Amino acid sequence: QVQLVESGGGLVQPGGSLRLSCAASGSILSIVAMGWYRQAPGKQREFVADITSGDSINYAESVKGRFTISRDTRLNTVYLQMNSLKPEDTAVYYCNARIRPRASPDWIVAYWGQGTQVTVSS
């Protein structure tokens, strides 16, 4: 009953920018945090950035200074502004939301988006 819908991936040259969006919808009691993970070919999924309901922000060291995470509380949407992109940023980017669902209000459940491909190449 909770869905995450992503948009904004694509092909960009090194040094370019993209902005990813992810909107959460469904039977949500509250959102604890929303963020982004990525998985490059042959690698494990890794943390990129997240933002909590209290506006606390965390970034992976590899993206600090280049990526900016933000949210629109009214729209239940999280954004990832990606600047100065590098080939090593190439990955499938997954939206993640830690949510208290109305069906299980004592649980914090991690929901995942479908993934959006980001390719950085000249």
Protein backbone atom coordinates (compact mmCIF):
# COMPACT_ATOMS: atom_id res chain seq x y z
CA GLN A 1 0.00 0.00 0.00
CA VAL A 2 3.08 2.25 -0.06
CA GLN A 3 4.68 3.14 -3.36
CA LEU A 4 7.80 5.08 -4.29
CA VAL A 5 7.94 6.54 -7.79
CA GLU A 6 11.27 7.82 -9.12
CA SER A 7 12.18 10.03 -12.03
CA GLY A 8 15.13 11.98 -13.38
CA GLY A 9 17.73 9.41 -14.38
CA GLY A 10 19.50 9.46 -17.70
CA LEU A 11 22.76 9.82 -19.59
CA VAL A 12 25.05 12.74 -18.81
CA GLN A 13 28.64 13.70 -19.59
CA PRO A 14 31.31 13.87 -16.87
CA GLY A 15 30.96 17.14 -15.00
CA GLY A 16 27.27 17.37 -15.79
CA SER A 17 24.23 17.40 -13.53
CA LEU A 18 21.03 15.49 -12.96
CA ARG A 19 18.22 15.82 -10.45
CA LEU A 20 16.44 12.72 -9.20
CA SER A 21 12.98 12.83 -7.65
CA CYS A 22 11.09 10.27 -5.59
CA ALA A 23 7.51 10.62 -4.40
CA ALA A 24 6.02 8.41 -1.70
CA SER A 25 2.32 7.66 -1.64
CA GLY A 26 -0.12 5.25 -0.06
CA SER A 27 -1.18 4.32 3.45
CA ILE A 28 1.48 6.22 5.38
CA LEU A 29 1.28 7.10 9.05
CA SER A 30 4.56 9.00 9.04
CA ILE A 31 7.87 9.13 7.21
CA VAL A 32 10.96 8.73 9.37
CA ALA A 33 13.47 9.34 6.60
CA MET A 34 13.88 9.29 2.84
CA GLY A 35 17.05 8.86 0.87
CA TRP A 36 18.99 7.32 -1.95
CA TYR A 37 21.12 4.24 -2.51
CA ARG A 38 22.91 3.13 -5.64
CA GLN A 39 24.19 -0.09 -7.12
CA ALA A 40 26.89 -0.15 -9.77
CA PRO A 41 27.49 -3.19 -11.98
CA GLY A 42 29.16 -5.97 -10.02
CA LYS A 43 28.93 -4.10 -6.73
CA GLN A 44 26.76 -4.16 -3.63
CA ARG A 45 24.11 -1.54 -3.10
CA GLU A 46 25.58 1.42 -1.20
CA PHE A 47 24.24 4.37 0.73
CA VAL A 48 24.31 7.75 -0.99
CA ALA A 49 22.33 10.24 1.11
CA ASP A 50 19.29 10.56 3.30
CA ILE A 51 17.24 13.16 5.14
CA THR A 52 15.14 12.58 8.25
CA SER A 53 11.84 14.02 9.34
CA GLY A 54 13.86 16.34 11.59
CA ASP A 55 15.91 17.55 8.59
CA SER A 56 19.08 15.76 9.62
CA ILE A 57 21.12 14.96 6.51
CA ASN A 58 23.77 12.33 5.86
CA TYR A 59 25.97 11.86 2.79
CA ALA A 60 28.33 9.16 1.69
CA GLU A 61 31.88 10.49 1.70
CA SER A 62 32.19 9.88 -2.04
CA VAL A 63 29.42 12.37 -2.87
CA LYS A 64 29.97 15.11 -0.27
CA GLY A 65 30.27 18.51 -1.89
CA ARG A 66 28.76 17.30 -5.15
CA PHE A 67 25.29 15.96 -4.29
CA THR A 68 22.53 17.73 -2.37
CA ILE A 69 19.50 16.02 -0.89
CA SER A 70 16.31 17.90 -0.09
CA ARG A 71 12.65 17.20 0.48
CA ASP A 72 9.20 18.64 0.02
CA THR A 73 7.22 17.49 3.03
CA ARG A 74 3.87 18.50 1.57
CA LEU A 75 4.48 16.32 -1.49
CA ASN A 76 6.21 13.44 0.36
CA THR A 77 8.99 13.86 -2.17
CA VAL A 78 12.76 13.66 -1.86
CA TYR A 79 15.21 15.08 -4.39
CA LEU A 80 18.84 14.40 -5.15
CA GLN A 81 20.66 17.15 -7.02
CA MET A 82 23.75 15.56 -8.55
CA ASN A 83 26.47 17.94 -9.75
CA SER A 84 30.02 17.39 -11.01
CA LEU A 85 29.11 13.86 -11.99
CA LYS A 86 31.89 11.34 -12.49
CA PRO A 87 31.94 8.05 -14.41
CA GLU A 88 32.16 6.22 -11.09
CA ASP A 89 28.72 7.65 -10.22
CA THR A 90 27.24 5.39 -12.90
CA ALA A 91 24.73 3.11 -11.18
CA VAL A 92 21.11 2.30 -10.70
CA TYR A 93 19.85 4.73 -8.08
CA TYR A 94 17.16 3.52 -5.70
CA CYS A 95 14.90 5.67 -3.58
CA ASN A 96 14.47 4.44 -0.02
CA ALA A 97 11.88 5.50 2.53
CA ARG A 98 11.65 4.47 6.17
CA ILE A 99 7.97 4.64 6.89
CA ARG A 100 5.54 3.88 9.69
CA PRO A 101 2.71 2.33 7.67
CA ARG A 102 -0.84 2.70 8.91
CA ALA A 103 -1.24 -1.08 8.76
CA SER A 104 1.67 -1.61 11.18
CA PRO A 105 2.11 1.61 13.13
CA ASP A 106 4.67 0.17 15.58
CA TRP A 107 7.04 -0.79 12.79
CA ILE A 108 9.46 1.23 10.72
CA VAL A 109 9.48 -0.38 7.29
CA ALA A 110 11.96 0.25 4.51
CA TYR A 111 10.36 0.72 1.10
CA TRP A 112 12.24 0.85 -2.17
CA GLY A 113 11.62 2.46 -5.50
CA GLN A 114 12.05 0.64 -8.77
CA GLY A 115 15.44 2.18 -9.51
CA THR A 116 16.49 4.68 -12.13
CA GLN A 117 19.61 4.38 -14.28
CA VAL A 118 22.22 7.11 -14.11
CA THR A 119 25.01 6.81 -16.67
CA VAL A 120 27.96 9.22 -16.70
CA SER A 121 29.99 8.84 -19.86
CA SER A 122 31.62 10.90 -22.57
